[in-house]
Protein backbone atom coordinates (compact mmCIF):
# COMPACT_ATOMS: atom_id res chain seq x y z
CA UNK A 1 12.16 103.57 306.93
CA UNK A 2 11.12 105.59 303.90
CA UNK A 3 14.19 104.34 302.33
CA UNK A 4 13.35 101.13 302.74
CA UNK A 5 10.21 101.44 300.70
CA UNK A 6 12.04 102.88 297.82
CA UNK A 7 14.88 100.34 297.64
CA UNK A 8 12.39 97.54 297.78
CA UNK A 9 10.28 99.76 294.89
CA UNK A 10 13.64 100.03 293.03
CA UNK A 11 14.48 96.69 293.39
CA UNK A 12 11.47 95.32 291.96
CA UNK A 13 11.21 97.64 289.38
CA UNK A 14 14.37 96.30 288.01
CA UNK A 15 13.45 92.49 288.29
CA UNK A 16 10.23 93.62 286.62
CA UNK A 17 12.69 95.16 283.48
CA UNK A 18 15.15 92.35 283.72
CA UNK A 19 11.89 89.89 282.75
CA UNK A 20 10.54 91.47 280.28
CA UNK A 21 13.65 91.74 278.41
CA UNK A 22 13.73 88.06 279.07
CA UNK A 23 10.56 87.45 277.70
CA UNK A 24 11.13 89.81 274.38
CA UNK A 25 14.13 87.89 273.94
CA UNK A 26 12.83 84.53 274.29
CA UNK A 27 9.97 84.96 272.09
CA UNK A 28 12.35 86.51 269.29
CA UNK A 29 14.15 83.43 269.75
CA UNK A 30 17.34 84.28 271.39
CA UNK A 31 17.86 81.17 273.55
CA UNK A 32 16.60 78.43 271.35
CA UNK A 33 19.75 77.14 269.88
CA UNK A 34 22.23 77.09 272.86
CA UNK A 35 23.87 73.67 272.20
CA UNK A 36 25.62 74.22 268.83
CA UNK A 37 27.47 77.02 269.28
CA UNK A 38 29.38 75.04 272.01
CA UNK A 39 30.10 71.66 269.35
CA UNK A 40 30.82 74.29 266.40
CA UNK A 41 34.47 74.69 267.86
CA UNK A 42 35.07 71.29 267.70
CA UNK A 43 34.53 70.83 264.17
CA UNK A 44 37.91 71.44 262.05
CA UNK A 45 37.24 74.20 259.04
CA UNK A 46 38.01 73.34 255.25
CA UNK A 47 41.86 73.43 254.06
CA UNK A 48 41.78 75.75 251.21
CA UNK A 49 43.79 74.66 248.08
CA UNK A 50 44.53 78.17 247.36
CA UNK A 51 47.81 79.69 248.76
CA UNK A 52 48.49 83.15 248.48
CA UNK A 53 51.70 84.45 247.74
CA UNK A 54 53.85 84.92 250.52
CA UNK A 55 56.00 87.52 248.60
CA UNK A 56 58.94 85.53 248.21
CA UNK A 57 61.73 86.06 245.88
CA UNK A 58 62.38 82.28 245.77
CA UNK A 59 58.89 81.05 245.14
CA UNK A 60 58.65 83.32 242.04
CA UNK A 61 61.81 81.83 240.52
CA UNK A 62 60.54 78.42 241.01
CA UNK A 63 57.44 78.99 239.54
CA UNK A 64 58.74 80.89 236.32
CA UNK A 65 61.16 77.61 235.92
CA UNK A 66 58.44 75.11 235.95
């Protein structure tokens, strides 16, 4: 019977710890914006015009001819 009291005490203590952590994070604003990360993936990234050098010799020769 003593182990039952110990288990209840441990579970209530763990629940209180999780509640305190939740309250602290809620006050810091952790849960304010939960909609935009789900929608942000739907937007396309801007296309950059700068092309990086691919290292191909044919590209370099074409640039010299122009």
